[in-house]
Amino acid sequence: MTHVHSIRLGRKVTTVAALAAWLWASSIGASAQEIIPLYTAEVPNSKASDIKESGAGTGLLKGITKPTLEYFRPAPDKASGAAVIIIPGGGYGVVVYNGEGVNTAKALAEKGVAAFVLKYRLPSDAIMPDKKIGPLQDAQQAIKLVREQAAQWGIDTGKIGILGFSAGGHLASTAATHFEKSYVENASNTSLRPDFQILIYPVISMQDSLTHGGSRDNLIGKNPSRQDVELFSNELQVRMNTPPAYLTHAADDKLVDVDNSIAYFEKLRRLKVPVEMHIYPKGDHGFIFRHPGWMEPLFAWMKQNNWLKN
């Protein structure tokens, strides 16, 4: 197998993110029906700071201290009862909110899926006592919130999935492999396990041979402990109860090596977790902006599993 070496980037905005912003700016967007605060009480694992959120004009967000879900409601006659929480990427340095989040949510809602775009806190020592767990807390809280309010939105509590791009794929796969430990208040013991996971050119591993350096540096630091590297290398955290998965990547990805997806696929397959993978020969990182039909095999997979109406 040919290995494409991952690029160790400290920069926070990739060319893919810039392309996402341009594509969003050149499209006509519709507003979501609802912006939902992720936490009604104090945001956990947070500390006072003067950091302000920025990037609304470009769709590349940073400085997030008040995470939210943006809800895109499917038409009642199309609604399948399924829901997907969408986690945009950005190397854990920005959130590619519009290009990967909002556009994907619209496409899912059009197919009958209740779609929620997660605006999550990026790991930062300036706003968090423990930056390693901040994004995971927000992902777990999103699952908990959607599951607990499913009835009012017409959602089936057994059809709540998670979808992530790039570093957002790392966060989605973290939520899919770390659900047995709650990192948020959960007195009601609501299940934090996603019912399925959809990972698009994901960062999976924190190990030297696979990881995207910028994502790892931002999440667990430039000199992480072996324990943290293994804990957040999600190919090492797969168990028999890990949710079914759909993976897609480009073989020529020069930013996040396709071996991230392949290693995850192999671990899932060996443990008999249902998994489907689509690898494009070309497309590089962020291929969704160059392959307009990339969601068609995903929709077919969702129909086969009864998460979309046939």
C-alpha atoms as a PDB file:
ATOM      1  CA  MET A   1       0.000   0.000   0.000  1.00  0.00           C
ATOM      2  CA  THR A   2       1.364   3.396  -0.889  1.00  0.00           C
ATOM      3  CA  HIS A   3       1.520   5.727   2.055  1.00  0.00           C
ATOM      4  CA  VAL A   4       0.817   9.415   1.590  1.00  0.00           C
ATOM      5  CA  HIS A   5       2.664  11.148   4.382  1.00  0.00           C
ATOM      6  CA  SER A   6       0.450  13.329   6.537  1.00  0.00           C
ATOM      7  CA  ILE A   7       1.369  16.991   6.540  1.00  0.00           C
ATOM      8  CA  ARG A   8       2.243  18.376   9.954  1.00  0.00           C
ATOM      9  CA  LEU A   9       0.572  21.730   9.884  1.00  0.00           C
ATOM     10  CA  GLY A  10       0.325  24.239  12.658  1.00  0.00           C
ATOM     11  CA  ARG A  11      -1.695  26.644  10.547  1.00  0.00           C
ATOM     12  CA  LYS A  12      -5.328  26.958  11.395  1.00  0.00           C
ATOM     13  CA  VAL A  13      -6.990  27.576   8.034  1.00  0.00           C
ATOM     14  CA  THR A  14      -6.299  25.113   5.221  1.00  0.00           C
ATOM     15  CA  THR A  15      -6.882  25.748   1.555  1.00  0.00           C
ATOM     16  CA  VAL A  16      -9.827  23.376   1.828  1.00  0.00           C
ATOM     17  CA  ALA A  17     -11.375  25.603   4.476  1.00  0.00           C
ATOM     18  CA  ALA A  18     -10.840  28.635   2.290  1.00  0.00           C
ATOM     19  CA  LEU A  19     -12.503  26.837  -0.617  1.00  0.00           C
ATOM     20  CA  ALA A  20     -15.416  25.938   1.640  1.00  0.00           C
ATOM     21  CA  ALA A  21     -15.874  29.564   2.593  1.00  0.00           C
ATOM     22  CA  TRP A  22     -15.786  30.674  -1.047  1.00  0.00           C
ATOM     23  CA  LEU A  23     -18.314  28.047  -2.074  1.00  0.00           C
ATOM     24  CA  TRP A  24     -20.619  29.115   0.705  1.00  0.00           C
ATOM     25  CA  ALA A  25     -20.307  32.792  -0.147  1.00  0.00           C
ATOM     26  CA  SER A  26     -21.185  32.062  -3.754  1.00  0.00           C
ATOM     27  CA  SER A  27     -24.285  30.036  -2.898  1.00  0.00           C
ATOM     28  CA  ILE A  28     -27.720  31.031  -1.725  1.00  0.00           C
ATOM     29  CA  GLY A  29     -28.323  29.710   1.758  1.00  0.00           C
ATOM     30  CA  ALA A  30     -31.515  29.229   3.701  1.00  0.00           C
ATOM     31  CA  SER A  31     -31.787  29.856   7.405  1.00  0.00           C
ATOM     32  CA  ALA A  32     -32.297  26.988   9.777  1.00  0.00           C
ATOM     33  CA  GLN A  33     -35.506  26.806  11.734  1.00  0.00           C
ATOM     34  CA  GLU A  34     -33.827  26.932  15.134  1.00  0.00           C
ATOM     35  CA  ILE A  35     -30.543  27.684  16.950  1.00  0.00           C
ATOM     36  CA  ILE A  36     -30.411  25.655  20.156  1.00  0.00           C
ATOM     37  CA  PRO A  37     -27.972  26.378  23.000  1.00  0.00           C
ATOM     38  CA  LEU A  38     -26.116  23.155  23.814  1.00  0.00           C
ATOM     39  CA  TYR A  39     -26.146  23.850  27.552  1.00  0.00           C
ATOM     40  CA  THR A  40     -28.905  25.568  29.485  1.00  0.00           C
ATOM     41  CA  ALA A  41     -26.731  25.910  32.592  1.00  0.00           C
ATOM     42  CA  GLU A  42     -23.033  26.749  32.816  1.00  0.00           C
ATOM     43  CA  VAL A  43     -20.858  25.306  30.065  1.00  0.00           C
ATOM     44  CA  PRO A  44     -18.791  22.503  31.639  1.00  0.00           C
ATOM     45  CA  ASN A  45     -14.985  22.547  31.610  1.00  0.00           C
ATOM     46  CA  SER A  46     -14.900  26.270  30.891  1.00  0.00           C
ATOM     47  CA  LYS A  47     -13.129  29.225  32.427  1.00  0.00           C
ATOM     48  CA  ALA A  48     -13.575  32.955  32.089  1.00  0.00           C
ATOM     49  CA  SER A  49     -11.846  34.591  29.138  1.00  0.00           C
ATOM     50  CA  ASP A  50     -12.190  37.634  26.926  1.00  0.00           C
ATOM     51  CA  ILE A  51     -12.143  35.523  23.751  1.00  0.00           C
ATOM     52  CA  LYS A  52     -14.856  36.443  21.262  1.00  0.00           C
ATOM     53  CA  GLU A  53     -16.284  34.235  18.546  1.00  0.00           C
ATOM     54  CA  SER A  54     -15.312  35.263  15.021  1.00  0.00           C
ATOM     55  CA  GLY A  55     -15.669  34.106  11.431  1.00  0.00           C
ATOM     56  CA  ALA A  56     -19.424  34.401  10.873  1.00  0.00           C
ATOM     57  CA  GLY A  57     -18.822  36.305   7.632  1.00  0.00           C
ATOM     58  CA  THR A  58     -16.666  33.573   6.098  1.00  0.00           C
ATOM     59  CA  GLY A  59     -18.295  30.536   7.683  1.00  0.00           C
ATOM     60  CA  LEU A  60     -14.947  29.601   9.292  1.00  0.00           C
ATOM     61  CA  LEU A  61     -15.589  29.929  13.009  1.00  0.00           C
ATOM     62  CA  LYS A  62     -13.143  30.225  15.888  1.00  0.00           C
ATOM     63  CA  GLY A  63     -13.217  31.493  19.453  1.00  0.00           C
ATOM     64  CA  ILE A  64     -16.411  29.523  20.192  1.00  0.00           C
ATOM     65  CA  THR A  65     -17.336  29.608  23.883  1.00  0.00           C
ATOM     66  CA  LYS A  66     -21.104  29.049  23.630  1.00  0.00           C
ATOM     67  CA  PRO A  67     -21.712  25.885  21.603  1.00  0.00           C
ATOM     68  CA  THR A  68     -24.990  25.403  19.777  1.00  0.00           C
ATOM     69  CA  LEU A  69     -26.945  23.099  17.502  1.00  0.00           C
ATOM     70  CA  GLU A  70     -28.512  24.528  14.348  1.00  0.00           C
ATOM     71  CA  TYR A  71     -31.566  22.480  13.447  1.00  0.00           C
ATOM     72  CA  PHE A  72     -32.621  21.855   9.848  1.00  0.00           C
ATOM     73  CA  ARG A  73     -36.070  20.304   9.845  1.00  0.00           C
ATOM     74  CA  PRO A  74     -37.140  17.876   7.101  1.00  0.00           C
ATOM     75  CA  ALA A  75     -40.480  18.317   5.366  1.00  0.00           C
ATOM     76  CA  PRO A  76     -43.143  16.352   7.280  1.00  0.00           C
ATOM     77  CA  ASP A  77     -44.014  14.218   4.239  1.00  0.00           C
ATOM     78  CA  LYS A  78     -40.362  13.184   3.846  1.00  0.00           C
ATOM     79  CA  ALA A  79     -39.377  12.742   7.500  1.00  0.00           C
ATOM     80  CA  SER A  80     -37.862   9.324   8.178  1.00  0.00           C
ATOM     81  CA  GLY A  81     -37.530   9.679  11.953  1.00  0.00           C
ATOM     82  CA  ALA A  82     -33.729   9.634  11.662  1.00  0.00           C
ATOM     83  CA  ALA A  83     -31.484  12.441  12.893  1.00  0.00           C
ATOM     84  CA  VAL A  84     -27.844  13.248  12.185  1.00  0.00           C
ATOM     85  CA  ILE A  85     -25.565  15.509  14.208  1.00  0.00           C
ATOM     86  CA  ILE A  86     -23.041  17.071  11.806  1.00  0.00           C
ATOM     87  CA  ILE A  87     -19.538  17.962  13.002  1.00  0.00           C
ATOM     88  CA  PRO A  88     -17.611  20.126  10.521  1.00  0.00           C
ATOM     89  CA  GLY A  89     -13.829  19.889  10.322  1.00  0.00           C
ATOM     90  CA  GLY A  90     -11.040  22.448  10.455  1.00  0.00           C
ATOM     91  CA  GLY A  91      -8.070  20.775  12.114  1.00  0.00           C
ATOM     92  CA  TYR A  92      -9.380  21.567  15.612  1.00  0.00           C
ATOM     93  CA  GLY A  93      -8.275  25.133  14.791  1.00  0.00           C
ATOM     94  CA  VAL A  94     -11.399  26.448  13.031  1.00  0.00           C
ATOM     95  CA  VAL A  95     -14.871  25.061  12.335  1.00  0.00           C
ATOM     96  CA  VAL A  96     -15.756  24.894   8.612  1.00  0.00           C
ATOM     97  CA  TYR A  97     -19.312  25.622   9.611  1.00  0.00           C
ATOM     98  CA  ASN A  98     -21.023  26.569   6.379  1.00  0.00           C
ATOM     99  CA  GLY A  99     -19.225  24.577   3.684  1.00  0.00           C
ATOM    100  CA  GLU A 100     -19.236  21.243   5.525  1.00  0.00           C
ATOM    101  CA  GLY A 101     -21.944  21.834   8.138  1.00  0.00           C
ATOM    102  CA  VAL A 102     -24.827  23.841   6.745  1.00  0.00           C
ATOM    103  CA  ASN A 103     -24.628  22.539   3.173  1.00  0.00           C
ATOM    104  CA  THR A 104     -24.618  18.928   4.389  1.00  0.00           C
ATOM    105  CA  ALA A 105     -27.519  19.614   6.750  1.00  0.00           C
ATOM    106  CA  LYS A 106     -29.636  20.983   3.908  1.00  0.00           C
ATOM    107  CA  ALA A 107     -28.928  17.907   1.774  1.00  0.00           C
ATOM    108  CA  LEU A 108     -29.870  15.555   4.612  1.00  0.00           C
ATOM    109  CA  ALA A 109     -33.028  17.490   5.507  1.00  0.00           C
ATOM    110  CA  GLU A 110     -34.083  17.366   1.854  1.00  0.00           C
ATOM    111  CA  LYS A 111     -33.887  13.566   2.091  1.00  0.00           C
ATOM    112  CA  GLY A 112     -36.008  13.439   5.239  1.00  0.00           C
ATOM    113  CA  VAL A 113     -33.330  13.444   7.953  1.00  0.00           C
ATOM    114  CA  ALA A 114     -33.488  15.862  10.876  1.00  0.00           C
ATOM    115  CA  ALA A 115     -30.064  17.533  10.668  1.00  0.00           C
ATOM    116  CA  PHE A 116     -28.249  19.363  13.457  1.00  0.00           C
ATOM    117  CA  VAL A 117     -25.018  21.274  12.823  1.00  0.00           C
ATOM    118  CA  LEU A 118     -22.814  21.280  15.904  1.00  0.00           C
ATOM    119  CA  LYS A 119     -20.925  24.485  16.638  1.00  0.00           C
ATOM    120  CA  TYR A 120     -18.428  23.023  19.092  1.00  0.00           C
ATOM    121  CA  ARG A 121     -15.705  24.507  21.254  1.00  0.00           C
ATOM    122  CA  LEU A 122     -12.243  24.154  19.792  1.00  0.00           C
ATOM    123  CA  PRO A 123      -9.580  22.844  22.189  1.00  0.00           C
ATOM    124  CA  SER A 124      -7.956  25.821  23.905  1.00  0.00           C
ATOM    125  CA  ASP A 125      -6.116  26.283  27.179  1.00  0.00           C
ATOM    126  CA  ALA A 126      -7.456  29.850  27.216  1.00  0.00           C
ATOM    127  CA  ILE A 127     -11.082  28.782  27.685  1.00  0.00           C
ATOM    128  CA  MET A 128     -10.837  25.259  29.183  1.00  0.00           C
ATOM    129  CA  PRO A 129      -9.128  23.681  32.185  1.00  0.00           C
ATOM    130  CA  ASP A 130      -8.770  20.477  30.106  1.00  0.00           C
ATOM    131  CA  LYS A 131      -8.776  21.183  26.371  1.00  0.00           C
ATOM    132  CA  LYS A 132      -8.509  17.497  25.402  1.00  0.00           C
ATOM    133  CA  ILE A 133     -12.078  16.695  26.434  1.00  0.00           C
ATOM    134  CA  GLY A 134     -13.872  19.940  25.519  1.00  0.00           C
ATOM    135  CA  PRO A 135     -14.916  18.953  21.975  1.00  0.00           C
ATOM    136  CA  LEU A 136     -15.998  15.480  23.152  1.00  0.00           C
ATOM    137  CA  GLN A 137     -18.141  17.035  25.881  1.00  0.00           C
ATOM    138  CA  ASP A 138     -19.968  19.076  23.248  1.00  0.00           C
ATOM    139  CA  ALA A 139     -20.461  16.049  20.985  1.00  0.00           C
ATOM    140  CA  GLN A 140     -21.828  13.980  23.887  1.00  0.00           C
ATOM    141  CA  GLN A 141     -24.106  16.806  24.991  1.00  0.00           C
ATOM    142  CA  ALA A 142     -25.446  17.104  21.438  1.00  0.00           C
ATOM    143  CA  ILE A 143     -26.343  13.404  21.347  1.00  0.00           C
ATOM    144  CA  LYS A 144     -27.908  13.644  24.810  1.00  0.00           C
ATOM    145  CA  LEU A 145     -29.946  16.727  23.915  1.00  0.00           C
ATOM    146  CA  VAL A 146     -31.285  15.322  20.632  1.00  0.00           C
ATOM    147  CA  ARG A 147     -32.146  11.995  22.257  1.00  0.00           C
ATOM    148  CA  GLU A 148     -33.917  13.617  25.222  1.00  0.00           C
ATOM    149  CA  GLN A 149     -35.933  15.980  23.007  1.00  0.00           C
ATOM    150  CA  ALA A 150     -36.554  13.478  20.212  1.00  0.00           C
ATOM    151  CA  ALA A 151     -40.291  13.247  20.793  1.00  0.00           C
ATOM    152  CA  GLN A 152     -40.935  16.944  20.196  1.00  0.00           C
ATOM    153  CA  TRP A 153     -38.990  16.813  16.926  1.00  0.00           C
ATOM    154  CA  GLY A 154     -40.534  13.551  15.687  1.00  0.00           C
ATOM    155  CA  ILE A 155     -37.213  11.723  15.936  1.00  0.00           C
ATOM    156  CA  ASP A 156     -36.792   8.002  16.635  1.00  0.00           C
ATOM    157  CA  THR A 157     -34.440   7.668  19.632  1.00  0.00           C
ATOM    158  CA  GLY A 158     -32.902   4.600  17.977  1.00  0.00           C
ATOM    159  CA  LYS A 159     -32.004   6.459  14.761  1.00  0.00           C
ATOM    160  CA  ILE A 160     -29.664   9.210  15.958  1.00  0.00           C
ATOM    161  CA  GLY A 161     -26.375   9.260  14.097  1.00  0.00           C
ATOM    162  CA  ILE A 162     -23.261  11.393  13.980  1.00  0.00           C
ATOM    163  CA  LEU A 163     -21.390  12.649  10.904  1.00  0.00           C
ATOM    164  CA  GLY A 164     -17.974  14.276  10.864  1.00  0.00           C
ATOM    165  CA  PHE A 165     -15.494  15.710   8.380  1.00  0.00           C
ATOM    166  CA  SER A 166     -11.702  15.611   8.802  1.00  0.00           C
ATOM    167  CA  ALA A 167     -10.947  16.643  12.417  1.00  0.00           C
ATOM    168  CA  GLY A 168     -14.726  16.645  12.881  1.00  0.00           C
ATOM    169  CA  GLY A 169     -14.505  13.010  11.786  1.00  0.00           C
ATOM    170  CA  HIS A 170     -12.048  12.458  14.608  1.00  0.00           C
ATOM    171  CA  LEU A 171     -14.539  14.008  17.020  1.00  0.00           C
ATOM    172  CA  ALA A 172     -17.417  11.950  15.593  1.00  0.00           C
ATOM    173  CA  SER A 173     -15.397   8.722  15.863  1.00  0.00           C
ATOM    174  CA  THR A 174     -14.373   9.718  19.397  1.00  0.00           C
ATOM    175  CA  ALA A 175     -18.041  10.064  20.334  1.00  0.00           C
ATOM    176  CA  ALA A 176     -18.673   6.676  18.677  1.00  0.00           C
ATOM    177  CA  THR A 177     -15.930   4.914  20.670  1.00  0.00           C
ATOM    178  CA  HIS A 178     -15.961   6.732  24.038  1.00  0.00           C
ATOM    179  CA  PHE A 179     -19.690   6.739  24.816  1.00  0.00           C
ATOM    180  CA  GLU A 180     -19.522   4.460  27.854  1.00  0.00           C
ATOM    181  CA  LYS A 181     -17.889   7.225  29.906  1.00  0.00           C
ATOM    182  CA  SER A 182     -19.940  10.396  30.267  1.00  0.00           C
ATOM    183  CA  TYR A 183     -17.914  13.605  30.106  1.00  0.00           C
ATOM    184  CA  VAL A 184     -21.052  15.702  30.720  1.00  0.00           C
ATOM    185  CA  GLU A 185     -23.700  15.752  33.432  1.00  0.00           C
ATOM    186  CA  ASN A 186     -25.997  12.814  32.747  1.00  0.00           C
ATOM    187  CA  ALA A 187     -28.031  12.098  35.858  1.00  0.00           C
ATOM    188  CA  SER A 188     -30.815  10.636  33.716  1.00  0.00           C
ATOM    189  CA  ASN A 189     -28.325   8.108  32.276  1.00  0.00           C
ATOM    190  CA  THR A 190     -29.369   8.925  28.711  1.00  0.00           C
ATOM    191  CA  SER A 191     -27.532   6.776  26.174  1.00  0.00           C
ATOM    192  CA  LEU A 192     -24.632   8.725  24.635  1.00  0.00           C
ATOM    193  CA  ARG A 193     -24.031   6.073  21.970  1.00  0.00           C
ATOM    194  CA  PRO A 194     -24.698   7.252  18.416  1.00  0.00           C
ATOM    195  CA  ASP A 195     -26.773   4.707  16.505  1.00  0.00           C
ATOM    196  CA  PHE A 196     -24.517   5.081  13.467  1.00  0.00           C
ATOM    197  CA  GLN A 197     -21.428   7.027  12.431  1.00  0.00           C
ATOM    198  CA  ILE A 198     -20.590   8.644   9.087  1.00  0.00           C
ATOM    199  CA  LEU A 199     -16.960   9.697   8.682  1.00  0.00           C
ATOM    200  CA  ILE A 200     -15.792  11.823   5.744  1.00  0.00           C
ATOM    201  CA  TYR A 201     -12.003  11.965   5.142  1.00  0.00           C
ATOM    202  CA  PRO A 202     -11.606  11.572   8.910  1.00  0.00           C
ATOM    203  CA  VAL A 203      -8.621  11.967  11.171  1.00  0.00           C
ATOM    204  CA  ILE A 204      -8.886   8.736  13.189  1.00  0.00           C
ATOM    205  CA  SER A 205      -5.506   8.274  14.839  1.00  0.00           C
ATOM    206  CA  MET A 206      -3.168  10.337  17.007  1.00  0.00           C
ATOM    207  CA  GLN A 207      -0.269   7.971  16.321  1.00  0.00           C
ATOM    208  CA  ASP A 208       2.797   9.370  14.532  1.00  0.00           C
ATOM    209  CA  SER A 209       2.422   7.113  11.504  1.00  0.00           C
ATOM    210  CA  LEU A 210      -1.154   8.172  10.735  1.00  0.00           C
ATOM    211  CA  THR A 211      -2.193  11.388  12.402  1.00  0.00           C
ATOM    212  CA  HIS A 212      -2.669  14.852  10.955  1.00  0.00           C
ATOM    213  CA  GLY A 213      -0.100  16.832  12.925  1.00  0.00           C
ATOM    214  CA  GLY A 214      -2.065  20.058  13.208  1.00  0.00           C
ATOM    215  CA  SER A 215      -5.157  18.298  14.572  1.00  0.00           C
ATOM    216  CA  ARG A 216      -3.096  16.357  17.109  1.00  0.00           C
ATOM    217  CA  ASP A 217      -1.137  19.406  18.272  1.00  0.00           C
ATOM    218  CA  ASN A 218      -4.346  21.394  18.761  1.00  0.00           C
ATOM    219  CA  LEU A 219      -6.163  18.623  20.638  1.00  0.00           C
ATOM    220  CA  ILE A 220      -3.583  16.906  22.841  1.00  0.00           C
ATOM    221  CA  GLY A 221      -0.529  19.163  22.510  1.00  0.00           C
ATOM    222  CA  LYS A 222       2.845  19.022  20.804  1.00  0.00           C
ATOM    223  CA  ASN A 223       4.310  16.617  23.370  1.00  0.00           C
ATOM    224  CA  PRO A 224       1.379  14.375  24.337  1.00  0.00           C
ATOM    225  CA  SER A 225       1.645  11.480  26.754  1.00  0.00           C
ATOM    226  CA  ARG A 226       1.521   7.951  25.378  1.00  0.00           C
ATOM    227  CA  GLN A 227      -1.713   7.491  27.328  1.00  0.00           C
ATOM    228  CA  ASP A 228      -3.398  10.444  25.568  1.00  0.00           C
ATOM    229  CA  VAL A 229      -2.118   9.333  22.149  1.00  0.00           C
ATOM    230  CA  GLU A 230      -3.681   5.901  22.656  1.00  0.00           C
ATOM    231  CA  LEU A 231      -6.888   7.210  24.235  1.00  0.00           C
ATOM    232  CA  PHE A 232      -7.598   9.477  21.265  1.00  0.00           C
ATOM    233  CA  SER A 233      -6.419   7.019  18.603  1.00  0.00           C
ATOM    234  CA  ASN A 234      -9.885   5.746  17.852  1.00  0.00           C
ATOM    235  CA  GLU A 235      -8.768   2.719  15.860  1.00  0.00           C
ATOM    236  CA  LEU A 236      -7.517   1.436  19.240  1.00  0.00           C
ATOM    237  CA  GLN A 237     -10.857   2.136  20.939  1.00  0.00           C
ATOM    238  CA  VAL A 238     -13.188   0.100  18.692  1.00  0.00           C
ATOM    239  CA  ARG A 239     -15.266  -2.501  20.538  1.00  0.00           C
ATOM    240  CA  MET A 240     -17.975  -4.946  19.483  1.00  0.00           C
ATOM    241  CA  ASN A 241     -20.649  -2.408  20.501  1.00  0.00           C
ATOM    242  CA  THR A 242     -19.180   0.411  18.391  1.00  0.00           C
ATOM    243  CA  PRO A 243     -21.929   1.802  16.108  1.00  0.00           C
ATOM    244  CA  PRO A 244     -22.189   0.782  12.431  1.00  0.00           C
ATOM    245  CA  ALA A 245     -20.053   2.990  10.218  1.00  0.00           C
ATOM    246  CA  TYR A 246     -19.899   4.549   6.766  1.00  0.00           C
ATOM    247  CA  LEU A 247     -16.451   5.780   5.696  1.00  0.00           C
ATOM    248  CA  THR A 248     -15.356   7.728   2.645  1.00  0.00           C
ATOM    249  CA  HIS A 249     -11.954   9.122   1.711  1.00  0.00           C
ATOM    250  CA  ALA A 250      -9.765   9.892  -1.308  1.00  0.00           C
ATOM    251  CA  ALA A 251      -6.724   7.692  -1.911  1.00  0.00           C
ATOM    252  CA  ASP A 252      -4.615  10.703  -2.849  1.00  0.00           C
ATOM    253  CA  ASP A 253      -5.457  12.719   0.283  1.00  0.00           C
ATOM    254  CA  LYS A 254      -2.264  14.615   1.078  1.00  0.00           C
ATOM    255  CA  LEU A 255      -3.526  16.163   4.311  1.00  0.00           C
ATOM    256  CA  VAL A 256      -5.133  13.226   6.136  1.00  0.00           C
ATOM    257  CA  ASP A 257      -3.751   9.870   4.990  1.00  0.00           C
ATOM    258  CA  VAL A 258      -6.412   7.462   3.718  1.00  0.00           C
ATOM    259  CA  ASP A 259      -4.847   4.855   6.023  1.00  0.00           C
ATOM    260  CA  ASN A 260      -6.803   6.545   8.832  1.00  0.00           C
ATOM    261  CA  SER A 261     -10.035   5.261   7.298  1.00  0.00           C
ATOM    262  CA  ILE A 262      -8.496   1.933   6.284  1.00  0.00           C
ATOM    263  CA  ALA A 263      -7.181   1.224   9.798  1.00  0.00           C
ATOM    264  CA  TYR A 264     -10.580   2.041  11.291  1.00  0.00           C
ATOM    265  CA  PHE A 265     -12.386  -0.069   8.689  1.00  0.00           C
ATOM    266  CA  GLU A 266     -10.129  -3.049   9.415  1.00  0.00           C
ATOM    267  CA  LYS A 267     -10.677  -2.840  13.168  1.00  0.00           C
ATOM    268  CA  LEU A 268     -14.446  -2.530  12.756  1.00  0.00           C
ATOM    269  CA  ARG A 269     -14.528  -5.424  10.297  1.00  0.00           C
ATOM    270  CA  ARG A 270     -12.510  -7.725  12.547  1.00  0.00           C
ATOM    271  CA  LEU A 271     -14.879  -7.051  15.438  1.00  0.00           C
ATOM    272  CA  LYS A 272     -17.910  -7.717  13.204  1.00  0.00           C
ATOM    273  CA  VAL A 273     -19.177  -4.137  13.390  1.00  0.00           C
ATOM    274  CA  PRO A 274     -21.116  -3.391  10.176  1.00  0.00           C
ATOM    275  CA  VAL A 275     -19.013  -1.017   8.061  1.00  0.00           C
ATOM    276  CA  GLU A 276     -19.089   0.254   4.489  1.00  0.00           C
ATOM    277  CA  MET A 277     -16.255   2.211   2.889  1.00  0.00           C
ATOM    278  CA  HIS A 278     -15.947   4.175  -0.352  1.00  0.00           C
ATOM    279  CA  ILE A 279     -12.509   5.316  -1.495  1.00  0.00           C
ATOM    280  CA  TYR A 280     -12.152   7.648  -4.456  1.00  0.00           C
ATOM    281  CA  PRO A 281      -8.899   7.238  -6.401  1.00  0.00           C
ATOM    282  CA  LYS A 282      -8.567  11.021  -6.657  1.00  0.00           C
ATOM    283  CA  GLY A 283     -10.055  14.053  -4.963  1.00  0.00           C
ATOM    284  CA  ASP A 284      -7.532  14.905  -2.224  1.00  0.00           C
ATOM    285  CA  HIS A 285      -8.712  16.372   1.069  1.00  0.00           C
ATOM    286  CA  GLY A 286     -12.071  18.111   1.080  1.00  0.00           C
ATOM    287  CA  PHE A 287     -13.187  16.226  -2.025  1.00  0.00           C
ATOM    288  CA  ILE A 288     -16.855  16.945  -1.293  1.00  0.00           C
ATOM    289  CA  PHE A 289     -16.353  20.297  -3.027  1.00  0.00           C
ATOM    290  CA  ARG A 290     -15.084  18.547  -6.171  1.00  0.00           C
ATOM    291  CA  HIS A 291     -17.317  15.424  -6.220  1.00  0.00           C
ATOM    292  CA  PRO A 292     -20.893  16.766  -6.212  1.00  0.00           C
ATOM    293  CA  GLY A 293     -22.361  13.250  -6.171  1.00  0.00           C
ATOM    294  CA  TRP A 294     -20.449  12.107  -3.093  1.00  0.00           C
ATOM    295  CA  MET A 295     -23.614  11.731  -0.998  1.00  0.00           C
ATOM    296  CA  GLU A 296     -25.397   9.329  -3.349  1.00  0.00           C
ATOM    297  CA  PRO A 297     -23.713   6.136  -2.009  1.00  0.00           C
ATOM    298  CA  LEU A 298     -24.239   7.494   1.519  1.00  0.00           C
ATOM    299  CA  PHE A 299     -27.970   7.879   0.873  1.00  0.00           C
ATOM    300  CA  ALA A 300     -28.074   4.326  -0.520  1.00  0.00           C
ATOM    301  CA  TRP A 301     -26.403   3.045   2.673  1.00  0.00           C
ATOM    302  CA  MET A 302     -28.866   4.982   4.815  1.00  0.00           C
ATOM    303  CA  LYS A 303     -31.813   3.537   2.872  1.00  0.00           C
ATOM    304  CA  GLN A 304     -30.480  -0.007   3.258  1.00  0.00           C
ATOM    305  CA  ASN A 305     -30.365   0.533   7.023  1.00  0.00           C
ATOM    306  CA  ASN A 306     -33.823   2.120   7.191  1.00  0.00           C
ATOM    307  CA  TRP A 307     -32.506   5.553   8.201  1.00  0.00           C
ATOM    308  CA  LEU A 308     -33.964   6.994   4.994  1.00  0.00           C
ATOM    309  CA  LYS A 309     -37.266   6.223   3.377  1.00  0.00           C
ATOM    310  CA  ASN A 310     -37.081   4.097   0.234  1.00  0.00           C
END
